[in-house]
Protein backbone atom coordinates (compact mmCIF):
# COMPACT_ATOMS: atom_id res chain seq x y z
CA MET A 1 0.00 0.00 0.00
CA LYS A 2 2.89 2.38 0.72
CA ILE A 3 4.33 1.84 -2.75
CA MET A 4 0.91 2.40 -4.29
CA GLN A 5 0.41 5.64 -2.37
CA ARG A 6 3.92 6.94 -3.06
CA ALA A 7 3.57 6.16 -6.77
CA GLY A 8 0.23 7.97 -6.88
CA HIS A 9 -1.70 4.95 -8.13
CA SER A 10 -5.37 4.65 -7.26
CA ASP A 11 -5.53 0.98 -8.25
CA LEU A 12 -3.45 -1.74 -6.58
CA ALA A 13 -3.43 -3.73 -9.83
CA THR A 14 -1.44 -0.93 -11.50
CA THR A 15 1.14 -0.96 -8.71
CA MET A 16 1.45 -4.74 -8.88
CA ILE A 17 2.40 -4.52 -12.57
CA TYR A 18 5.44 -2.47 -11.55
CA VAL A 19 6.22 -4.70 -8.56
CA ARG A 20 6.15 -7.87 -10.66
CA THR A 21 8.30 -6.27 -13.36
CA ALA A 22 10.83 -5.10 -10.77
CA GLU A 23 10.98 -8.59 -9.26
CA THR A 24 11.52 -10.14 -12.69
CA ILE A 25 14.26 -7.82 -13.95
CA GLY A 26 15.79 -6.91 -10.60
CA GLN A 27 18.31 -9.73 -10.75
CA GLY A 28 19.61 -8.49 -14.11
CA PHE A 29 21.20 -5.37 -12.67
CA GLY A 30 24.68 -5.06 -11.22
CA GLU A 31 25.66 -4.17 -7.70
CA VAL A 32 23.41 -1.53 -6.17
CA PHE A 33 26.39 0.31 -4.69
CA PRO A 34 29.57 -0.90 -6.38
CA PRO A 35 32.90 -0.11 -4.70
CA ILE A 36 34.09 3.49 -5.08
CA PRO A 37 37.07 3.69 -7.47
CA GLU A 38 40.38 4.18 -5.65
CA ALA A 39 41.05 7.42 -7.59
CA LEU A 40 38.02 9.00 -5.93
CA LEU A 41 39.17 7.98 -2.46
CA GLU A 42 42.47 9.86 -2.62
CA PRO A 43 42.63 13.01 -0.48
CA ALA A 44 42.27 16.33 -2.30
CA PRO A 45 45.55 18.20 -2.92
CA ASP A 46 46.41 20.89 -0.33
CA GLY A 47 44.31 24.00 -0.65
CA GLU A 48 41.56 22.37 -2.69
CA SER A 49 38.14 21.52 -1.37
CA SER A 50 36.85 18.02 -1.89
CA GLY A 51 33.39 19.49 -2.47
CA GLU A 52 32.05 17.70 0.57
CA SER A 53 29.95 19.51 3.12
CA SER A 54 29.60 18.85 6.80
CA GLU A 55 25.85 19.38 6.44
CA THR A 56 23.65 16.32 6.73
CA LEU A 57 21.52 15.73 3.66
CA GLU A 58 17.92 14.68 4.11
CA ALA A 59 16.28 12.03 2.00
CA PRO A 60 13.55 13.31 -0.31
CA SER A 61 10.12 13.01 1.28
CA LEU A 62 9.28 10.27 -1.22
CA LEU A 63 11.87 8.01 0.43
CA ARG A 64 11.28 8.89 4.08
CA GLU A 65 9.47 6.46 6.31
CA ASN A 66 6.43 7.82 8.11
């Protein structure tokens, strides 16, 4: 029901089409979060910002649990 509501479907049958498709093709995709390449893990050269922020990012409301 949560998926149906979040997707904006008014009919459960519509949602189930997407759920069944995801279950069928889900195994055909690679790793969800593959390892980060070593080149991206190296510290930034002195005086350069890595672009990271100390602020905590919030998940979009679509992904938040109620």
